[in-house]
Protein backbone atom coordinates (compact mmCIF):
# COMPACT_ATOMS: atom_id res chain seq x y z
CA UNK A 1 -54.25 -13.69 -7.54
CA UNK A 2 -52.39 -14.09 -4.39
CA UNK A 3 -52.49 -16.83 -2.47
CA UNK A 4 -52.68 -17.08 1.11
CA UNK A 5 -49.37 -17.58 3.19
CA UNK A 6 -50.16 -21.04 4.42
CA UNK A 7 -51.26 -22.36 0.92
CA UNK A 8 -48.11 -20.92 -0.60
CA UNK A 9 -46.23 -23.01 1.51
CA UNK A 10 -48.13 -25.85 1.34
CA UNK A 11 -47.67 -26.04 -2.25
CA UNK A 12 -43.68 -25.16 -2.47
CA UNK A 13 -43.15 -27.75 -0.01
CA UNK A 14 -45.02 -30.26 -2.68
CA UNK A 15 -42.72 -29.01 -5.32
CA UNK A 16 -39.65 -29.38 -3.55
CA UNK A 17 -40.40 -32.80 -2.45
CA UNK A 18 -40.91 -33.81 -6.30
CA UNK A 19 -37.68 -34.62 -7.35
CA UNK A 20 -37.21 -36.81 -4.02
CA UNK A 21 -40.64 -38.68 -4.67
CA UNK A 22 -39.50 -38.99 -8.42
CA UNK A 23 -36.36 -40.84 -7.39
CA UNK A 24 -37.91 -42.87 -5.13
CA UNK A 25 -40.61 -43.83 -7.64
CA UNK A 26 -37.85 -44.74 -10.40
CA UNK A 27 -35.86 -46.95 -8.20
CA UNK A 28 -38.87 -49.00 -6.79
CA UNK A 29 -40.06 -49.22 -10.50
CA UNK A 30 -36.36 -50.53 -11.52
CA UNK A 31 -35.86 -52.74 -13.48
CA UNK A 32 -38.54 -52.25 -15.94
CA UNK A 33 -36.55 -54.22 -18.84
CA UNK A 34 -33.20 -56.33 -19.44
CA UNK A 35 -30.24 -55.39 -17.41
CA UNK A 36 -27.13 -56.32 -19.16
CA UNK A 37 -24.06 -57.56 -16.68
CA UNK A 38 -20.43 -56.78 -19.05
CA UNK A 39 -17.26 -59.00 -18.10
CA UNK A 40 -14.27 -58.66 -19.48
CA UNK A 41 -13.33 -62.75 -19.81
CA UNK A 42 -14.45 -65.26 -21.72
CA UNK A 43 -16.92 -68.17 -20.39
CA UNK A 44 -16.11 -70.59 -18.21
CA UNK A 45 -13.57 -68.86 -16.17
CA UNK A 46 -14.31 -67.71 -12.20
CA UNK A 47 -15.07 -64.53 -13.28
CA UNK A 48 -17.95 -65.74 -16.21
CA UNK A 49 -19.42 -68.51 -13.30
CA UNK A 50 -19.43 -65.86 -10.98
CA UNK A 51 -21.67 -63.45 -13.13
CA UNK A 52 -23.80 -66.24 -14.12
CA UNK A 53 -24.69 -67.28 -10.83
CA UNK A 54 -25.40 -63.79 -9.81
CA UNK A 55 -26.95 -63.07 -12.44
CA UNK A 56 -29.45 -65.80 -11.91
CA UNK A 57 -29.91 -64.59 -8.34
CA UNK A 58 -30.66 -60.97 -9.31
CA UNK A 59 -33.02 -62.20 -12.66
CA UNK A 60 -35.41 -64.20 -9.78
CA UNK A 61 -35.36 -61.06 -7.27
CA UNK A 62 -35.95 -58.37 -9.61
CA UNK A 63 -38.08 -59.86 -12.57
CA UNK A 64 -35.93 -58.97 -15.17
CA UNK A 65 -33.48 -60.61 -16.84
CA UNK A 66 -30.00 -59.77 -16.27
CA UNK A 67 -27.94 -60.75 -19.43
CA UNK A 68 -24.12 -61.65 -19.31
CA UNK A 69 -22.15 -60.26 -22.14
CA UNK A 70 -18.75 -61.53 -22.14
CA UNK A 71 -16.35 -59.14 -24.22
CA UNK A 72 -12.75 -60.26 -23.20
CA UNK A 73 -9.64 -58.85 -24.77
CA UNK A 74 -7.87 -55.85 -23.80
CA UNK A 75 -6.96 -56.67 -20.13
CA UNK A 76 -10.96 -56.17 -19.37
CA UNK A 77 -10.27 -52.59 -20.76
CA UNK A 78 -12.87 -53.25 -23.48
CA UNK A 79 -15.59 -54.24 -21.30
CA UNK A 80 -14.87 -51.40 -18.69
CA UNK A 81 -15.21 -48.93 -21.54
CA UNK A 82 -18.51 -49.74 -22.57
CA UNK A 83 -19.83 -49.66 -19.35
CA UNK A 84 -18.18 -46.47 -18.58
CA UNK A 85 -19.93 -44.73 -21.61
CA UNK A 86 -23.11 -46.46 -20.86
CA UNK A 87 -26.54 -44.27 -19.49
CA UNK A 88 -26.11 -44.42 -16.13
CA UNK A 89 -29.79 -45.85 -15.51
CA UNK A 90 -28.55 -49.12 -13.66
CA UNK A 91 -29.39 -51.13 -17.00
CA UNK A 92 -25.78 -51.72 -17.81
CA UNK A 93 -23.19 -52.85 -15.46
CA UNK A 94 -19.76 -54.09 -15.04
CA UNK A 95 -17.95 -57.41 -13.50
CA UNK A 96 -15.54 -55.35 -11.66
CA UNK A 97 -12.31 -57.74 -11.09
CA UNK A 98 -8.37 -57.66 -9.90
CA UNK A 99 -7.96 -56.16 -13.55
CA UNK A 100 -9.49 -53.09 -12.56
CA UNK A 101 -7.21 -52.28 -10.02
CA UNK A 102 -4.36 -53.42 -11.39
CA UNK A 103 -4.57 -52.00 -14.64
CA UNK A 104 -4.10 -48.00 -13.74
CA UNK A 105 -0.83 -49.02 -13.02
CA UNK A 106 0.14 -51.49 -15.48
CA UNK A 107 -0.75 -49.31 -18.80
CA UNK A 108 0.91 -45.92 -19.12
CA UNK A 109 -2.64 -44.05 -19.90
CA UNK A 110 -6.02 -45.69 -19.92
CA UNK A 111 -9.18 -43.56 -21.66
CA UNK A 112 -11.06 -43.76 -18.35
CA UNK A 113 -10.12 -43.31 -14.46
CA UNK A 114 -11.46 -45.97 -12.54
CA UNK A 115 -12.49 -44.72 -9.47
CA UNK A 116 -13.70 -41.73 -10.71
CA UNK A 117 -16.12 -43.23 -13.95
CA UNK A 118 -17.36 -46.44 -12.14
CA UNK A 119 -19.79 -46.35 -8.92
CA UNK A 120 -18.96 -49.37 -6.77
CA UNK A 121 -21.96 -51.21 -6.23
CA UNK A 122 -21.06 -54.29 -3.98
CA UNK A 123 -18.64 -57.15 -3.87
CA UNK A 124 -19.53 -60.73 -4.76
CA UNK A 125 -16.61 -63.16 -3.78
CA UNK A 126 -13.07 -63.61 -3.48
CA UNK A 127 -10.57 -66.76 -5.09
CA UNK A 128 -7.17 -67.40 -3.29
CA UNK A 129 -4.66 -68.70 -5.66
CA UNK A 130 -2.23 -71.67 -4.51
CA UNK A 131 1.70 -71.71 -4.67
CA UNK A 132 2.53 -75.02 -5.97
CA UNK A 133 5.53 -76.53 -7.04
CA UNK A 134 6.83 -79.37 -9.93
CA UNK A 135 7.18 -82.51 -7.29
CA UNK A 136 11.31 -82.15 -8.36
CA UNK A 137 11.55 -79.32 -6.19
CA UNK A 138 12.86 -80.62 -2.84
CA UNK A 139 10.80 -78.59 -0.84
CA UNK A 140 7.20 -78.78 0.99
CA UNK A 141 7.10 -75.82 2.90
CA UNK A 142 6.70 -72.08 2.34
CA UNK A 143 10.04 -71.47 4.66
CA UNK A 144 11.87 -74.97 2.75
CA UNK A 145 11.00 -72.82 -0.90
CA UNK A 146 12.58 -69.37 0.21
CA UNK A 147 15.96 -71.04 1.81
CA UNK A 148 15.96 -73.22 -1.61
CA UNK A 149 15.42 -70.02 -4.12
CA UNK A 150 17.77 -67.90 -1.75
CA UNK A 151 20.37 -70.79 -2.44
CA UNK A 152 19.41 -71.08 -6.24
CA UNK A 153 19.07 -67.76 -7.08
CA UNK A 154 17.74 -67.11 -10.46
CA UNK A 155 17.54 -70.59 -11.35
CA UNK A 156 13.56 -71.12 -10.49
CA UNK A 157 11.13 -70.48 -13.14
CA UNK A 158 7.92 -68.85 -11.75
CA UNK A 159 4.96 -69.40 -14.59
CA UNK A 160 2.19 -67.16 -14.96
CA UNK A 161 -1.23 -66.76 -17.44
CA UNK A 162 0.37 -63.27 -18.55
CA UNK A 163 2.08 -59.99 -17.38
CA UNK A 164 0.08 -58.45 -14.93
CA UNK A 165 -2.82 -60.99 -14.47
CA UNK A 166 -3.35 -62.07 -10.53
CA UNK A 167 -1.23 -65.48 -10.76
CA UNK A 168 1.49 -63.18 -11.94
CA UNK A 169 1.08 -60.35 -9.44
CA UNK A 170 1.13 -63.09 -6.62
CA UNK A 171 3.82 -64.36 -7.29
CA UNK A 172 5.28 -60.58 -7.36
CA UNK A 173 4.03 -59.94 -4.14
CA UNK A 174 5.71 -63.27 -2.97
CA UNK A 175 9.20 -61.72 -4.27
CA UNK A 176 8.80 -58.51 -2.84
CA UNK A 177 8.04 -59.67 0.62
CA UNK A 178 10.79 -62.46 0.82
CA UNK A 179 13.36 -60.95 -1.42
CA UNK A 180 14.05 -64.07 -3.60
CA UNK A 181 14.63 -64.38 -7.23
CA UNK A 182 12.90 -66.00 -9.40
CA UNK A 183 12.18 -65.87 -13.09
CA UNK A 184 9.20 -64.60 -14.00
CA UNK A 185 7.98 -66.79 -17.59
CA UNK A 186 4.42 -65.73 -18.72
CA UNK A 187 2.16 -67.92 -20.83
CA UNK A 188 -1.11 -66.99 -22.87
CA UNK A 189 -3.43 -68.46 -20.19
CA UNK A 190 -3.10 -70.80 -17.29
CA UNK A 191 -3.55 -74.15 -19.49
CA UNK A 192 -0.44 -73.85 -21.52
CA UNK A 193 1.62 -72.59 -18.01
CA UNK A 194 0.24 -76.03 -16.66
CA UNK A 195 1.35 -77.71 -19.49
CA UNK A 196 5.07 -76.48 -18.83
CA UNK A 197 4.31 -76.95 -15.03
CA UNK A 198 3.82 -80.89 -15.23
CA UNK A 199 6.83 -81.10 -17.56
CA UNK A 200 9.30 -79.45 -14.90
CA UNK A 201 10.13 -76.57 -17.88
CA UNK A 202 9.00 -74.51 -15.18
CA UNK A 203 8.97 -74.82 -11.45
CA UNK A 204 6.38 -72.58 -9.21
CA UNK A 205 3.28 -71.04 -9.90
CA UNK A 206 0.45 -69.07 -8.27
CA UNK A 207 -2.54 -70.65 -9.92
CA UNK A 208 -6.39 -70.66 -9.36
CA UNK A 209 -7.24 -73.52 -6.93
CA UNK A 210 -9.77 -74.60 -9.73
CA UNK A 211 -7.70 -74.90 -12.37
CA UNK A 212 -4.97 -76.82 -10.63
CA UNK A 213 -6.81 -78.56 -7.93
CA UNK A 214 -7.08 -82.34 -9.76
CA UNK A 215 -3.48 -82.05 -10.98
CA UNK A 216 -2.39 -81.35 -6.88
CA UNK A 217 -4.83 -84.41 -6.11
CA UNK A 218 -3.05 -86.76 -8.34
CA UNK A 219 0.21 -85.66 -6.66
CA UNK A 220 1.21 -84.22 -10.31
CA UNK A 221 1.85 -80.67 -8.45
CA UNK A 222 2.91 -79.89 -4.65
CA UNK A 223 0.72 -77.32 -3.25
CA UNK A 224 2.89 -75.36 -0.50
CA UNK A 225 0.30 -72.62 0.48
CA UNK A 226 -3.05 -71.28 -0.44
CA UNK A 227 -2.31 -66.84 -1.24
CA UNK A 228 -5.69 -65.69 0.60
CA UNK A 229 -6.19 -64.97 4.09
CA UNK A 230 -7.76 -68.00 5.19
CA UNK A 231 -7.27 -71.56 4.01
CA UNK A 232 -9.35 -72.74 1.37
CA UNK A 233 -12.25 -75.20 1.63
CA UNK A 234 -10.88 -77.07 -1.41
CA UNK A 235 -7.62 -77.59 0.43
CA UNK A 236 -8.08 -77.69 4.05
CA UNK A 237 -5.18 -79.22 5.14
CA UNK A 238 -2.81 -76.52 2.81
CA UNK A 239 -1.75 -73.59 5.09
CA UNK A 240 -1.50 -69.62 3.89
CA UNK A 241 1.25 -68.14 2.54
CA UNK A 242 0.41 -65.23 5.29
CA UNK A 243 0.97 -67.84 7.75
CA UNK A 244 5.09 -67.66 7.33
CA UNK A 245 4.73 -64.15 5.81
CA UNK A 246 2.85 -62.05 7.96
CA UNK A 247 0.30 -59.56 6.10
CA UNK A 248 0.95 -61.56 2.40
CA UNK A 249 -2.67 -62.02 0.97
CA UNK A 250 -3.52 -62.00 -3.01
CA UNK A 251 -6.88 -63.16 -4.29
CA UNK A 252 -8.66 -62.98 -7.28
CA UNK A 253 -12.55 -61.33 -6.43
CA UNK A 254 -15.09 -59.83 -8.12
CA UNK A 255 -17.94 -57.16 -7.72
CA UNK A 256 -20.39 -55.13 -9.46
CA UNK A 257 -20.17 -51.66 -10.79
CA UNK A 258 -22.29 -49.06 -12.67
CA UNK A 259 -21.47 -46.24 -14.60
CA UNK A 260 -20.75 -42.66 -12.55
CA UNK A 261 -24.07 -40.65 -12.08
CA UNK A 262 -26.49 -43.86 -11.59
CA UNK A 263 -28.85 -42.89 -9.22
CA UNK A 264 -27.83 -43.80 -5.65
CA UNK A 265 -31.57 -45.36 -5.32
CA UNK A 266 -30.61 -48.08 -7.85
CA UNK A 267 -27.40 -48.61 -6.24
CA UNK A 268 -28.76 -49.07 -3.19
CA UNK A 269 -31.55 -51.39 -4.45
CA UNK A 270 -29.30 -53.57 -6.18
CA UNK A 271 -26.60 -53.45 -3.11
CA UNK A 272 -29.52 -54.87 -1.45
CA UNK A 273 -29.74 -58.02 -3.25
CA UNK A 274 -26.96 -58.33 -3.97
CA UNK A 275 -25.93 -58.50 -0.56
CA UNK A 276 -29.10 -60.90 0.11
CA UNK A 277 -27.98 -63.34 -2.29
CA UNK A 278 -24.59 -63.76 -0.73
CA UNK A 279 -26.57 -64.67 2.72
CA UNK A 280 -28.43 -67.49 1.04
CA UNK A 281 -27.48 -70.89 1.87
CA UNK A 282 -27.59 -72.11 -1.55
CA UNK A 283 -25.78 -69.24 -3.45
CA UNK A 284 -22.99 -69.33 -0.69
CA UNK A 285 -22.79 -73.29 -1.12
CA UNK A 286 -22.28 -72.96 -4.92
CA UNK A 287 -19.45 -70.06 -4.47
CA UNK A 288 -18.07 -72.73 -1.67
CA UNK A 289 -17.96 -75.44 -4.44
CA UNK A 290 -15.51 -73.05 -6.40
CA UNK A 291 -13.37 -72.62 -3.49
CA UNK A 292 -14.62 -68.83 -3.47
CA UNK A 293 -15.63 -67.01 -0.17
CA UNK A 294 -18.92 -64.46 -0.25
CA UNK A 295 -17.59 -60.72 -0.04
CA UNK A 296 -20.66 -58.83 1.30
CA UNK A 297 -20.24 -55.09 1.06
CA UNK A 298 -22.00 -51.74 0.91
CA UNK A 299 -21.12 -49.59 -2.01
CA UNK A 300 -18.95 -47.22 0.59
CA UNK A 301 -16.90 -50.22 1.79
CA UNK A 302 -16.36 -51.85 -1.69
CA UNK A 303 -14.93 -48.46 -2.93
CA UNK A 304 -12.86 -48.51 -0.20
CA UNK A 305 -11.64 -52.00 -0.87
CA UNK A 306 -10.97 -50.58 -4.79
CA UNK A 307 -8.91 -48.32 -3.95
CA UNK A 308 -7.02 -50.37 -1.17
CA UNK A 309 -6.11 -52.92 -3.61
CA UNK A 310 -5.13 -50.34 -6.36
CA UNK A 311 -2.76 -49.10 -4.28
CA UNK A 312 -1.89 -52.66 -3.31
CA UNK A 313 -0.76 -53.76 -6.75
CA UNK A 314 0.61 -50.28 -7.75
CA UNK A 315 3.71 -51.18 -5.15
CA UNK A 316 3.92 -54.22 -6.76
CA UNK A 317 4.00 -53.29 -10.78
CA UNK A 318 6.36 -50.48 -9.52
CA UNK A 319 8.94 -53.12 -7.89
CA UNK A 320 8.92 -55.69 -10.31
CA UNK A 321 8.57 -53.27 -13.60
CA UNK A 322 5.74 -54.84 -15.02
CA UNK A 323 4.41 -53.56 -18.02
CA UNK A 324 1.57 -54.27 -20.52
CA UNK A 325 1.58 -57.37 -23.22
């Protein structure tokens, strides 16, 4: 049987449109079951709090529970690779963090290529660190600190929460841009580092603000500057490092990624809901209470941001000769 030409073209056009209709229908239906957001950190920190606040927002908006799964250790590598190998259906997501931009240069070889294997969905927020000193250090400003450090090369100990942490690389970026000589002393976490900061065994640290804010307000530590591009609402009277060293910026930041080949329609839907949350006054206020600023981005914008951060920290890792613990 031979179909009339007009009828044939109509059927052919309808068949060609089926994949598009199928993808749209799939995105509209998503999600139909719980979504898992994997994070490479322990409960209670800025990463965990960020994931849980955004997870609750997405739960309310998507109509399905967003389950937060903490898979710490391995410098976020374990969490990252669990998402890399997950089905690309939108039901397994990754909380993307600075470690994902630092690890490619920090480790000799990884079993994944982050920029190839993870699809950026969108940014969430960023947290500046605070450059602080033990009160025994006779300086009150960044220029005074630079002068003091250059007059006492190798005599200042710089604490961090471990090799390759944002606390560590924030300090190494400062060293690279100023030429000061400080001895890096890595600890297994910020808590023991702060203990020695308070005791004067180490003199300077580029710590996460929430960890140090109580000691700063009590006068047990002295803030010289924050490491973000703008002042922190938690320390409004403290200038930025960039006020004295043009171009300096270092922050902890978080976003969401998905396995490669996740349908674009699902990525777009998730990005839309994430950005709606970042525009919500109540959620913005919760992040501001933690000292974070929101970071709404398109998927392509977040991809460029991660690429820029990866390039930036690769230079610092090479300069400092940092290796993974």
